[in-house]
């Protein structure tokens, strides 16, 4: 089984960016924890702040991986193109958010991704990634 976690804009700053919302742990450190929790599966990781690069990665892995965990960050609320990319691939995608987007600004309440994803997990901090991976089993 082969999974990939794809993180979008500003998520490279986890651990330092707005820790009151996103926590104090960097993603690379947390990724080691995830890999230890799921030793029998391959977990790859990709992060980009660039919308087109996220789309290219979805196209690259979207026909050969078991599952994709995607935190598209703010692109969730703005990118029809990422939604179209998810629609075009066969690998199931779980949309993930660290914060509860529905408890935040109203513009974060709409997602162009949720309708084309297998599911959405929001509000559990970094544990959201673990919950997303568990949903594939």
N, C-alpha and C. Protein backbone atom coordinates (compact mmCIF):
# COMPACT_ATOMS: atom_id res chain seq x y z
N UNK A 1 0.84 -1.18 0.00
CA UNK A 1 0.00 0.00 0.00
C UNK A 1 0.88 1.24 0.00
N UNK A 2 0.50 2.18 -0.81
CA UNK A 2 1.32 3.38 -1.00
C UNK A 2 0.43 4.61 -0.91
N UNK A 3 0.79 5.50 0.01
CA UNK A 3 0.03 6.73 0.23
C UNK A 3 0.96 7.93 0.06
N UNK A 4 0.35 9.07 -0.22
CA UNK A 4 1.11 10.31 -0.26
C UNK A 4 0.32 11.38 0.47
N UNK A 5 1.02 12.17 1.23
CA UNK A 5 0.47 13.36 1.86
C UNK A 5 0.95 14.55 1.04
N UNK A 6 0.02 15.34 0.58
CA UNK A 6 0.34 16.54 -0.20
C UNK A 6 -0.13 17.75 0.58
N UNK A 7 0.81 18.62 0.89
CA UNK A 7 0.51 19.86 1.62
C UNK A 7 0.68 21.05 0.70
N UNK A 8 -0.22 21.98 0.83
CA UNK A 8 -0.21 23.19 0.02
C UNK A 8 0.46 24.37 0.68
N UNK A 9 0.05 25.57 0.29
CA UNK A 9 0.75 26.80 0.65
C UNK A 9 0.82 27.04 2.16
N UNK A 10 1.98 27.49 2.56
CA UNK A 10 2.31 27.91 3.92
C UNK A 10 2.43 26.77 4.92
N UNK A 11 2.14 25.55 4.49
CA UNK A 11 2.25 24.42 5.42
C UNK A 11 3.69 24.00 5.64
N UNK A 12 4.60 24.53 4.84
CA UNK A 12 6.03 24.34 5.11
C UNK A 12 6.44 25.09 6.38
N UNK A 13 5.60 25.99 6.87
CA UNK A 13 5.89 26.78 8.06
C UNK A 13 5.25 26.22 9.33
N UNK A 14 4.69 25.01 9.25
CA UNK A 14 4.09 24.42 10.45
C UNK A 14 5.14 24.35 11.56
N UNK A 15 4.71 24.67 12.74
CA UNK A 15 5.61 24.69 13.89
C UNK A 15 6.05 26.10 14.24
N UNK A 16 6.01 27.00 13.25
CA UNK A 16 6.38 28.40 13.50
C UNK A 16 5.25 29.35 13.12
N UNK A 17 4.42 28.97 12.17
CA UNK A 17 3.33 29.83 11.69
C UNK A 17 2.11 29.71 12.60
N UNK A 18 1.68 30.80 13.16
CA UNK A 18 0.46 30.87 13.96
C UNK A 18 0.28 29.61 14.83
N UNK A 19 1.18 29.39 15.77
CA UNK A 19 1.11 28.17 16.58
C UNK A 19 -0.18 28.04 17.38
N UNK A 20 -0.84 29.15 17.66
CA UNK A 20 -2.12 29.07 18.38
C UNK A 20 -3.21 28.40 17.54
N UNK A 21 -3.04 28.40 16.23
CA UNK A 21 -3.99 27.74 15.33
C UNK A 21 -3.44 26.39 14.87
N UNK A 22 -2.16 26.37 14.49
CA UNK A 22 -1.59 25.20 13.81
C UNK A 22 -0.65 24.35 14.67
N UNK A 23 -0.39 24.78 15.90
CA UNK A 23 0.47 24.00 16.79
C UNK A 23 1.94 24.34 16.66
N UNK A 24 2.75 23.67 17.47
CA UNK A 24 4.19 23.97 17.56
C UNK A 24 5.08 22.96 16.86
N UNK A 25 4.52 21.88 16.33
CA UNK A 25 5.33 20.83 15.73
C UNK A 25 5.42 21.01 14.23
N UNK A 26 6.63 20.89 13.70
CA UNK A 26 6.84 20.94 12.26
C UNK A 26 6.34 19.66 11.61
N UNK A 27 6.00 19.72 10.33
CA UNK A 27 5.43 18.55 9.67
C UNK A 27 6.43 17.43 9.49
N UNK A 28 7.66 17.76 9.15
CA UNK A 28 8.68 16.73 8.93
C UNK A 28 8.83 15.85 10.18
N UNK A 29 8.81 16.47 11.34
CA UNK A 29 8.91 15.73 12.61
C UNK A 29 7.68 14.83 12.77
N UNK A 30 6.52 15.37 12.50
CA UNK A 30 5.28 14.60 12.63
C UNK A 30 5.24 13.45 11.62
N UNK A 31 5.79 13.65 10.45
CA UNK A 31 5.81 12.61 9.42
C UNK A 31 6.51 11.36 9.93
N UNK A 32 7.58 11.52 10.68
CA UNK A 32 8.27 10.37 11.28
C UNK A 32 7.34 9.61 12.21
N UNK A 33 6.56 10.33 12.98
CA UNK A 33 5.58 9.70 13.87
C UNK A 33 4.57 8.90 13.06
N UNK A 34 4.05 9.48 11.99
CA UNK A 34 3.08 8.78 11.14
C UNK A 34 3.68 7.51 10.56
N UNK A 35 4.90 7.61 10.06
CA UNK A 35 5.53 6.43 9.46
C UNK A 35 5.73 5.32 10.50
N UNK A 36 6.00 5.71 11.74
CA UNK A 36 6.12 4.71 12.81
C UNK A 36 4.76 4.10 13.15
N UNK A 37 3.70 4.87 13.05
CA UNK A 37 2.35 4.36 13.33
C UNK A 37 1.85 3.42 12.25
N UNK A 38 2.34 3.59 11.03
CA UNK A 38 1.91 2.78 9.89
C UNK A 38 3.13 2.12 9.23
N UNK A 39 3.81 1.23 9.94
CA UNK A 39 5.07 0.69 9.43
C UNK A 39 4.92 -0.21 8.20
N UNK A 40 3.73 -0.73 7.96
CA UNK A 40 3.56 -1.67 6.85
C UNK A 40 3.17 -0.99 5.53
N UNK A 41 3.07 0.35 5.55
CA UNK A 41 2.72 1.06 4.32
C UNK A 41 3.78 2.12 4.00
N UNK A 42 3.85 2.45 2.75
CA UNK A 42 4.75 3.52 2.30
C UNK A 42 3.99 4.84 2.38
N UNK A 43 4.59 5.83 3.05
CA UNK A 43 3.98 7.16 3.12
C UNK A 43 4.97 8.15 2.53
N UNK A 44 4.64 8.67 1.37
CA UNK A 44 5.45 9.70 0.72
C UNK A 44 4.90 11.06 1.11
N UNK A 45 5.70 12.09 0.85
CA UNK A 45 5.29 13.44 1.24
C UNK A 45 5.73 14.43 0.18
N UNK A 46 4.86 15.40 -0.07
CA UNK A 46 5.16 16.48 -1.02
C UNK A 46 4.52 17.75 -0.51
N UNK A 47 5.23 18.86 -0.63
CA UNK A 47 4.69 20.17 -0.24
C UNK A 47 5.09 21.19 -1.28
N UNK A 48 4.14 22.06 -1.62
CA UNK A 48 4.44 23.17 -2.52
C UNK A 48 3.52 24.34 -2.19
N UNK A 49 4.05 25.52 -2.40
CA UNK A 49 3.26 26.74 -2.25
C UNK A 49 2.63 27.16 -3.58
N UNK A 50 2.87 26.37 -4.64
CA UNK A 50 2.48 26.74 -6.00
C UNK A 50 1.34 25.84 -6.48
N UNK A 51 0.23 26.44 -6.84
CA UNK A 51 -0.96 25.71 -7.25
C UNK A 51 -0.69 24.72 -8.38
N UNK A 52 -0.02 25.16 -9.43
CA UNK A 52 0.26 24.28 -10.57
C UNK A 52 1.11 23.08 -10.21
N UNK A 53 2.04 23.26 -9.28
CA UNK A 53 2.87 22.13 -8.83
C UNK A 53 2.04 21.11 -8.07
N UNK A 54 1.06 21.56 -7.31
CA UNK A 54 0.16 20.64 -6.60
C UNK A 54 -0.67 19.84 -7.61
N UNK A 55 -1.14 20.51 -8.64
CA UNK A 55 -1.91 19.84 -9.70
C UNK A 55 -1.03 18.82 -10.41
N UNK A 56 0.20 19.20 -10.74
CA UNK A 56 1.12 18.25 -11.40
C UNK A 56 1.36 17.02 -10.54
N UNK A 57 1.52 17.21 -9.23
CA UNK A 57 1.75 16.08 -8.33
C UNK A 57 0.52 15.18 -8.28
N UNK A 58 -0.67 15.76 -8.21
CA UNK A 58 -1.90 14.96 -8.23
C UNK A 58 -1.97 14.12 -9.51
N UNK A 59 -1.63 14.71 -10.65
CA UNK A 59 -1.63 13.98 -11.91
C UNK A 59 -0.60 12.85 -11.88
N UNK A 60 0.55 13.13 -11.31
CA UNK A 60 1.65 12.16 -11.27
C UNK A 60 1.29 10.92 -10.45
N UNK A 61 0.68 11.11 -9.29
CA UNK A 61 0.43 10.00 -8.36
C UNK A 61 -1.01 9.50 -8.40
N UNK A 62 -1.87 10.18 -9.11
CA UNK A 62 -3.31 9.94 -9.03
C UNK A 62 -3.83 8.70 -9.72
N UNK A 63 -2.93 7.89 -10.27
CA UNK A 63 -3.36 6.65 -10.91
C UNK A 63 -2.60 5.44 -10.38
N UNK A 64 -1.67 5.67 -9.46
CA UNK A 64 -0.82 4.57 -9.01
C UNK A 64 -0.75 4.41 -7.50
N UNK A 65 -1.22 5.37 -6.74
CA UNK A 65 -1.17 5.29 -5.28
C UNK A 65 -2.47 4.72 -4.73
N UNK A 66 -2.41 4.19 -3.52
CA UNK A 66 -3.60 3.67 -2.84
C UNK A 66 -4.50 4.80 -2.38
N UNK A 67 -3.89 5.89 -1.90
CA UNK A 67 -4.66 7.02 -1.41
C UNK A 67 -3.83 8.27 -1.30
N UNK A 68 -4.50 9.40 -1.35
CA UNK A 68 -3.88 10.72 -1.23
C UNK A 68 -4.53 11.46 -0.08
N UNK A 69 -3.71 12.01 0.80
CA UNK A 69 -4.18 12.89 1.86
C UNK A 69 -3.75 14.30 1.44
N UNK A 70 -4.71 15.18 1.25
CA UNK A 70 -4.42 16.50 0.70
C UNK A 70 -4.86 17.60 1.65
N UNK A 71 -3.91 18.42 2.04
CA UNK A 71 -4.21 19.67 2.74
C UNK A 71 -3.82 20.78 1.78
N UNK A 72 -4.77 21.29 1.05
CA UNK A 72 -4.49 22.29 0.03
C UNK A 72 -4.42 23.70 0.61
N UNK A 73 -4.51 23.82 1.94
CA UNK A 73 -4.44 25.14 2.56
C UNK A 73 -5.51 26.05 1.97
N UNK A 74 -5.14 27.30 1.76
CA UNK A 74 -6.09 28.30 1.26
C UNK A 74 -6.59 27.98 -0.16
N UNK A 75 -5.86 27.16 -0.92
CA UNK A 75 -6.35 26.79 -2.25
C UNK A 75 -7.66 26.01 -2.16
N UNK A 76 -7.94 25.42 -1.02
CA UNK A 76 -9.20 24.71 -0.81
C UNK A 76 -10.39 25.60 -1.18
N UNK A 77 -10.28 26.87 -0.83
CA UNK A 77 -11.39 27.81 -0.95
C UNK A 77 -11.36 28.62 -2.24
N UNK A 78 -10.32 28.41 -3.06
CA UNK A 78 -10.17 29.24 -4.25
C UNK A 78 -9.90 28.48 -5.54
N UNK A 79 -9.48 27.21 -5.45
CA UNK A 79 -8.96 26.54 -6.64
C UNK A 79 -9.93 25.55 -7.27
N UNK A 80 -10.58 26.01 -8.30
CA UNK A 80 -11.40 25.11 -9.11
C UNK A 80 -10.46 24.14 -9.83
N UNK A 81 -9.27 24.59 -10.19
CA UNK A 81 -8.32 23.75 -10.93
C UNK A 81 -7.87 22.54 -10.11
N UNK A 82 -7.64 22.70 -8.82
CA UNK A 82 -7.26 21.55 -7.98
C UNK A 82 -8.45 20.61 -7.87
N UNK A 83 -9.65 21.14 -7.71
CA UNK A 83 -10.84 20.30 -7.71
C UNK A 83 -10.97 19.51 -9.00
N UNK A 84 -10.73 20.14 -10.14
CA UNK A 84 -10.79 19.45 -11.42
C UNK A 84 -9.71 18.36 -11.52
N UNK A 85 -8.53 18.63 -10.97
CA UNK A 85 -7.46 17.62 -10.98
C UNK A 85 -7.86 16.40 -10.17
N UNK A 86 -8.49 16.63 -9.02
CA UNK A 86 -8.94 15.50 -8.19
C UNK A 86 -10.00 14.69 -8.94
N UNK A 87 -10.89 15.39 -9.61
CA UNK A 87 -11.94 14.73 -10.39
C UNK A 87 -11.37 13.88 -11.52
N UNK A 88 -10.21 14.29 -12.05
CA UNK A 88 -9.63 13.63 -13.21
C UNK A 88 -8.83 12.37 -12.87
N UNK A 89 -8.49 12.17 -11.60
CA UNK A 89 -7.66 11.02 -11.22
C UNK A 89 -8.52 9.91 -10.62
N UNK A 90 -7.93 8.73 -10.47
CA UNK A 90 -8.67 7.59 -9.93
C UNK A 90 -8.34 7.29 -8.47
N UNK A 91 -7.21 7.75 -7.98
CA UNK A 91 -6.84 7.51 -6.59
C UNK A 91 -7.73 8.34 -5.68
N UNK A 92 -8.32 7.73 -4.64
CA UNK A 92 -9.17 8.50 -3.73
C UNK A 92 -8.37 9.52 -2.92
N UNK A 93 -9.00 10.66 -2.68
CA UNK A 93 -8.37 11.78 -1.96
C UNK A 93 -9.19 12.09 -0.72
N UNK A 94 -8.49 12.24 0.40
CA UNK A 94 -9.11 12.72 1.63
C UNK A 94 -8.61 14.15 1.84
N UNK A 95 -9.53 15.07 1.96
CA UNK A 95 -9.20 16.47 2.23
C UNK A 95 -8.98 16.63 3.74
N UNK A 96 -7.92 17.33 4.11
CA UNK A 96 -7.55 17.49 5.51
C UNK A 96 -7.31 18.95 5.83
N UNK A 97 -7.75 19.36 7.03
CA UNK A 97 -7.44 20.68 7.57
C UNK A 97 -7.07 20.53 9.03
N UNK A 98 -6.05 21.23 9.45
CA UNK A 98 -5.64 21.15 10.85
C UNK A 98 -6.63 21.86 11.76
N UNK A 99 -7.10 23.01 11.34
CA UNK A 99 -8.06 23.77 12.15
C UNK A 99 -9.49 23.41 11.70
N UNK A 100 -10.44 23.73 12.55
CA UNK A 100 -11.84 23.57 12.18
C UNK A 100 -12.21 24.78 11.32
N UNK A 101 -12.22 24.58 10.02
CA UNK A 101 -12.44 25.71 9.10
C UNK A 101 -13.80 26.36 9.31
N UNK A 102 -14.77 25.61 9.85
CA UNK A 102 -16.10 26.15 10.06
C UNK A 102 -16.19 27.02 11.31
N UNK A 103 -15.15 27.02 12.12
CA UNK A 103 -15.08 27.88 13.30
C UNK A 103 -14.25 29.13 13.00
N UNK A 104 -13.87 29.29 11.74
CA UNK A 104 -13.02 30.41 11.35
C UNK A 104 -13.78 31.35 10.42
N UNK A 105 -13.08 32.15 9.67
CA UNK A 105 -13.69 33.15 8.80
C UNK A 105 -14.66 32.49 7.82
N UNK A 106 -15.72 33.20 7.48
CA UNK A 106 -16.77 32.62 6.64
C UNK A 106 -16.26 32.20 5.26
N UNK A 107 -15.24 32.88 4.71
CA UNK A 107 -14.74 32.49 3.39
C UNK A 107 -14.08 31.12 3.43
N UNK A 108 -13.74 30.62 4.61
CA UNK A 108 -13.15 29.28 4.73
C UNK A 108 -14.21 28.18 4.80
N UNK A 109 -15.47 28.55 4.79
CA UNK A 109 -16.54 27.57 4.92
C UNK A 109 -16.86 26.88 3.59
N UNK A 110 -16.39 27.42 2.49
CA UNK A 110 -16.63 26.81 1.18
C UNK A 110 -15.37 26.13 0.68
N UNK A 111 -15.54 24.92 0.18
CA UNK A 111 -14.43 24.16 -0.38
C UNK A 111 -14.77 23.74 -1.81
N UNK A 112 -13.84 23.98 -2.71
CA UNK A 112 -13.99 23.49 -4.08
C UNK A 112 -13.51 22.05 -4.20
N UNK A 113 -12.98 21.50 -3.09
CA UNK A 113 -12.42 20.15 -3.11
C UNK A 113 -13.35 19.11 -2.51
N UNK A 114 -14.06 19.46 -1.45
CA UNK A 114 -14.88 18.50 -0.73
C UNK A 114 -15.82 17.71 -1.64
N UNK A 115 -16.51 18.34 -2.61
CA UNK A 115 -17.43 17.56 -3.45
C UNK A 115 -16.77 16.47 -4.28
N UNK A 116 -15.47 16.56 -4.51
CA UNK A 116 -14.79 15.57 -5.36
C UNK A 116 -13.84 14.68 -4.55
N UNK A 117 -13.82 14.84 -3.24
CA UNK A 117 -12.98 14.02 -2.37
C UNK A 117 -13.80 12.90 -1.75
N UNK A 118 -13.11 11.86 -1.32
CA UNK A 118 -13.75 10.74 -0.63
C UNK A 118 -14.33 11.20 0.70
N UNK A 119 -13.64 12.15 1.36
CA UNK A 119 -14.08 12.66 2.64
C UNK A 119 -13.26 13.85 3.05
N UNK A 120 -13.63 14.44 4.18
CA UNK A 120 -12.96 15.63 4.69
C UNK A 120 -12.81 15.50 6.20
N UNK A 121 -11.60 15.77 6.69
CA UNK A 121 -11.31 15.74 8.12
C UNK A 121 -10.78 17.11 8.50
N UNK A 122 -11.39 17.71 9.51
CA UNK A 122 -11.07 19.09 9.85
C UNK A 122 -11.09 19.28 11.36
N UNK A 123 -10.06 19.96 11.86
CA UNK A 123 -10.11 20.42 13.24
C UNK A 123 -9.38 19.60 14.27
N UNK A 124 -8.63 18.61 13.88
CA UNK A 124 -7.94 17.75 14.85
C UNK A 124 -6.43 17.97 14.86
N UNK A 125 -5.99 19.12 14.37
CA UNK A 125 -4.56 19.40 14.34
C UNK A 125 -3.84 18.39 13.46
N UNK A 126 -2.59 18.10 13.80
CA UNK A 126 -1.82 17.15 13.01
C UNK A 126 -2.44 15.76 13.01
N UNK A 127 -3.19 15.43 14.04
CA UNK A 127 -3.87 14.12 14.11
C UNK A 127 -4.84 13.93 12.93
N UNK A 128 -5.24 15.02 12.29
CA UNK A 128 -6.11 14.93 11.12
C UNK A 128 -5.49 14.04 10.03
N UNK A 129 -4.16 14.10 9.90
CA UNK A 129 -3.47 13.27 8.90
C UNK A 129 -3.58 11.79 9.26
N UNK A 130 -3.39 11.48 10.53
CA UNK A 130 -3.53 10.09 10.98
C UNK A 130 -4.94 9.58 10.73
N UNK A 131 -5.94 10.39 11.07
CA UNK A 131 -7.33 10.00 10.86
C UNK A 131 -7.61 9.77 9.37
N UNK A 132 -7.04 10.61 8.53
CA UNK A 132 -7.23 10.45 7.09
C UNK A 132 -6.62 9.13 6.62
N UNK A 133 -5.41 8.83 7.06
CA UNK A 133 -4.77 7.57 6.65
C UNK A 133 -5.59 6.38 7.15
N UNK A 134 -6.07 6.44 8.39
CA UNK A 134 -6.87 5.33 8.94
C UNK A 134 -8.15 5.11 8.13
N UNK A 135 -8.67 6.15 7.52
CA UNK A 135 -9.92 6.01 6.76
C UNK A 135 -9.76 5.12 5.54
N UNK A 136 -8.54 4.89 5.11
CA UNK A 136 -8.30 4.04 3.93
C UNK A 136 -8.29 2.55 4.29
N UNK A 137 -8.28 2.23 5.58
CA UNK A 137 -8.19 0.81 6.00
C UNK A 137 -9.54 0.27 6.39
